[in-house]
Amino acid sequence: MLRRELALALRARLAWMVAALSALLVGHGFILAVDLYAAGSRSVRANVLMAREFDPLAGIVRPTLGGLYLAASLLVPLLAARPLAVEKERRSLGPLLLMTGSPARVVAAKFAAAVASSSLLFAGPIVALAAWRLAGGHLAPAETAVALAGHALYLVALCALGTAAAAWLDSLAQAAALGVVVVLSS
């Protein structure tokens, strides 16, 4: 069951389009962050006191993850609602529930597929931060891991919201719209 759901979610064009759009937003944030950080670094050379306060977490990691936050807030509710909403729209959810005999197992598999497809959004930040390290930039592993874990938890919460909206409403469009409205109003 889970294998089928993961295959459906990860083969969907929507998952890869969302990941590509997220990578564009993350890349834009990363390029701007590197540009501003480089400009600030030039002024740090002259002032020792300023050098102590110059932090790559605030200068590179947070702006890079800002693009991920924007992409996730707008696109993950759509991505998360898709696995369950498509089954409902195709009227194949009833037979699937009868076949498995466990609604909780079906919804859990759909939720896991939503989380797996949403995790594709982490490709952009991981590549950008790896490029920063390869270019000689400093990143504290523990601080960066905490920032990434916070965004991972946010993605899981968005997936729960999208899955709940899909379970409650009849179509993908309604579920995605409700998910985006709830995220934007929070």
Protein backbone atom coordinates (compact mmCIF):
# COMPACT_ATOMS: atom_id res chain seq x y z
CA MET A 1 0.00 0.00 0.00
CA LEU A 2 2.68 2.50 1.04
CA ARG A 3 4.86 1.53 -1.91
CA ARG A 4 2.00 2.27 -4.32
CA GLU A 5 1.31 5.65 -2.74
CA LEU A 6 4.95 6.66 -2.77
CA ALA A 7 5.26 5.68 -6.41
CA LEU A 8 2.17 7.68 -7.35
CA ALA A 9 3.26 10.75 -5.40
CA LEU A 10 6.87 10.79 -6.56
CA ARG A 11 6.00 10.17 -10.22
CA ALA A 12 3.53 13.04 -10.35
CA ARG A 13 4.55 16.00 -12.49
CA LEU A 14 3.13 18.32 -9.86
CA ALA A 15 5.66 17.15 -7.25
CA TRP A 16 8.57 17.85 -9.54
CA MET A 17 7.17 21.19 -10.73
CA VAL A 18 6.73 22.29 -7.11
CA ALA A 19 10.28 21.15 -6.32
CA ALA A 20 11.62 23.08 -9.31
CA LEU A 21 9.73 26.24 -8.38
CA SER A 22 10.94 25.89 -4.81
CA ALA A 23 14.52 25.49 -6.03
CA LEU A 24 14.17 28.73 -8.01
CA LEU A 25 12.94 30.61 -4.94
CA VAL A 26 15.62 29.08 -2.73
CA GLY A 27 18.31 29.83 -5.31
CA HIS A 28 17.20 33.43 -5.57
CA GLY A 29 17.30 33.82 -1.79
CA PHE A 30 20.71 32.16 -1.66
CA ILE A 31 22.22 34.39 -4.36
CA LEU A 32 20.90 37.53 -2.67
CA ALA A 33 22.17 36.30 0.71
CA VAL A 34 25.65 35.58 -0.66
CA ASP A 35 25.75 38.99 -2.33
CA LEU A 36 24.75 40.82 0.87
CA TYR A 37 27.01 38.66 3.02
CA ALA A 38 29.98 39.37 0.74
CA ALA A 39 29.28 43.11 0.86
CA GLY A 40 29.04 42.97 4.65
CA SER A 41 32.22 40.91 4.89
CA ARG A 42 34.21 43.69 3.30
CA SER A 43 33.23 46.09 6.05
CA VAL A 44 33.93 43.50 8.77
CA ARG A 45 37.63 43.46 7.90
CA ALA A 46 38.02 46.96 9.31
CA ASN A 47 36.11 46.39 12.54
CA VAL A 48 37.05 43.53 14.88
CA LEU A 49 33.98 44.03 17.07
CA MET A 50 31.70 43.66 14.07
CA ALA A 51 33.43 40.41 13.07
CA ARG A 52 32.25 38.66 16.24
CA GLU A 53 28.62 39.42 15.39
CA PHE A 54 28.83 38.42 11.74
CA ASP A 55 26.98 35.09 11.65
CA PRO A 56 26.49 32.80 8.62
CA LEU A 57 23.30 31.41 10.17
CA ALA A 58 21.63 34.81 9.99
CA GLY A 59 23.38 35.87 6.79
CA ILE A 60 23.20 32.74 4.63
CA VAL A 61 21.06 29.96 6.12
CA ARG A 62 17.98 31.96 7.11
CA PRO A 63 17.61 33.84 3.79
CA THR A 64 18.13 30.59 1.89
CA LEU A 65 15.47 28.84 3.97
CA GLY A 66 13.22 31.87 3.51
CA GLY A 67 12.69 30.80 -0.09
CA LEU A 68 11.81 27.32 1.14
CA TYR A 69 9.34 28.79 3.64
CA LEU A 70 7.60 30.83 0.94
CA ALA A 71 7.42 27.92 -1.49
CA ALA A 72 6.21 25.53 1.20
CA SER A 73 3.55 27.90 2.49
CA LEU A 74 2.04 28.41 -0.94
CA LEU A 75 2.58 25.06 -2.65
CA VAL A 76 2.75 22.25 -0.09
CA PRO A 77 -0.98 22.37 0.77
CA LEU A 78 -1.68 21.64 -2.91
CA LEU A 79 0.95 18.90 -3.00
CA ALA A 80 -0.26 17.34 0.25
CA ALA A 81 -3.93 17.33 -0.66
CA ARG A 82 -3.32 15.66 -4.01
CA PRO A 83 -2.93 11.96 -3.01
CA LEU A 84 -6.24 11.74 -1.16
CA ALA A 85 -8.21 14.24 -3.23
CA VAL A 86 -7.39 12.53 -6.53
CA GLU A 87 -8.70 9.21 -5.18
CA LYS A 88 -11.90 10.95 -4.09
CA GLU A 89 -12.34 12.73 -7.43
CA ARG A 90 -11.81 9.49 -9.38
CA ARG A 91 -14.22 7.71 -7.04
CA SER A 92 -11.62 5.07 -6.30
CA LEU A 93 -11.31 5.83 -2.59
CA GLY A 94 -14.29 3.63 -1.65
CA PRO A 95 -12.93 0.50 -3.36
CA LEU A 96 -9.48 1.23 -1.93
CA LEU A 97 -10.94 1.42 1.58
CA LEU A 98 -12.81 -1.83 1.04
CA MET A 99 -9.72 -3.51 -0.33
CA THR A 100 -7.52 -2.53 2.62
CA GLY A 101 -10.20 -2.69 5.30
CA SER A 102 -8.57 0.09 7.27
CA PRO A 103 -9.31 3.77 6.63
CA ALA A 104 -6.54 4.78 9.04
CA ARG A 105 -3.98 2.79 7.06
CA VAL A 106 -5.09 4.38 3.78
CA VAL A 107 -4.95 7.91 5.18
CA ALA A 108 -1.58 7.21 6.82
CA ALA A 109 -0.18 5.96 3.50
CA LYS A 110 -1.53 9.03 1.70
CA PHE A 111 -0.01 11.26 4.39
CA ALA A 112 3.35 9.50 4.11
CA ALA A 113 3.25 9.98 0.33
CA ALA A 114 2.51 13.68 0.84
CA VAL A 115 5.45 14.03 3.22
CA ALA A 116 7.74 12.18 0.80
CA SER A 117 6.77 14.35 -2.16
CA SER A 118 7.07 17.50 -0.03
CA SER A 119 10.55 16.50 1.07
CA LEU A 120 11.70 17.10 -2.51
CA LEU A 121 11.63 20.80 -1.61
CA PHE A 122 14.73 20.27 0.54
CA ALA A 123 16.88 19.56 -2.53
CA GLY A 124 17.37 23.26 -3.26
CA PRO A 125 18.51 24.36 0.20
CA ILE A 126 20.78 21.36 0.66
CA VAL A 127 22.50 21.99 -2.67
CA ALA A 128 22.82 25.72 -1.95
CA LEU A 129 24.28 25.18 1.51
CA ALA A 130 26.65 22.52 0.18
CA ALA A 131 27.79 24.99 -2.49
CA TRP A 132 28.41 27.55 0.26
CA ARG A 133 30.57 25.05 2.15
CA LEU A 134 32.46 24.04 -1.02
CA ALA A 135 33.16 27.70 -1.73
CA GLY A 136 34.86 27.97 1.66
CA GLY A 137 32.00 29.40 3.69
CA HIS A 138 31.49 28.47 7.31
CA LEU A 139 28.32 26.80 8.64
CA ALA A 140 27.84 25.47 12.14
CA PRO A 141 26.48 21.93 11.65
CA ALA A 142 24.28 21.92 14.77
CA GLU A 143 22.70 25.32 14.06
CA THR A 144 22.09 24.47 10.42
CA ALA A 145 20.58 21.10 11.37
CA VAL A 146 18.21 22.79 13.83
CA ALA A 147 17.10 25.27 11.17
CA LEU A 148 16.52 22.47 8.65
CA ALA A 149 14.67 20.37 11.26
CA GLY A 150 12.38 23.31 12.01
CA HIS A 151 11.48 23.60 8.35
CA ALA A 152 10.98 19.83 8.14
CA LEU A 153 8.48 20.01 10.99
CA TYR A 154 6.73 22.88 9.22
CA LEU A 155 6.46 20.75 6.07
CA VAL A 156 4.98 17.87 8.09
CA ALA A 157 2.42 20.26 9.62
CA LEU A 158 1.52 21.55 6.15
CA CYS A 159 1.13 17.97 4.91
CA ALA A 160 -1.19 17.22 7.81
CA LEU A 161 -3.21 20.32 6.94
CA GLY A 162 -3.41 19.37 3.26
CA THR A 163 -4.37 15.78 4.01
CA ALA A 164 -7.06 16.89 6.46
CA ALA A 165 -8.45 19.37 3.93
CA ALA A 166 -8.54 16.66 1.27
CA ALA A 167 -10.35 14.30 3.64
CA TRP A 168 -12.90 16.94 4.53
CA LEU A 169 -13.63 18.42 1.07
CA ASP A 170 -14.66 16.85 -2.22
CA SER A 171 -12.10 18.14 -4.74
CA LEU A 172 -8.42 18.91 -5.01
CA ALA A 173 -9.11 22.55 -5.85
CA GLN A 174 -11.22 23.05 -2.74
CA ALA A 175 -8.73 21.29 -0.48
CA ALA A 176 -5.76 23.22 -1.88
CA ALA A 177 -7.60 26.52 -1.60
CA LEU A 178 -8.58 25.81 2.00
CA GLY A 179 -5.01 24.79 2.86
CA VAL A 180 -3.53 27.96 1.37
CA VAL A 181 -6.14 30.17 3.05
CA VAL A 182 -5.46 28.58 6.44
CA VAL A 183 -1.69 28.98 6.00
CA LEU A 184 -1.95 32.57 4.85
CA SER A 185 -4.36 33.51 7.62
CA SER A 186 -2.26 31.97 10.39
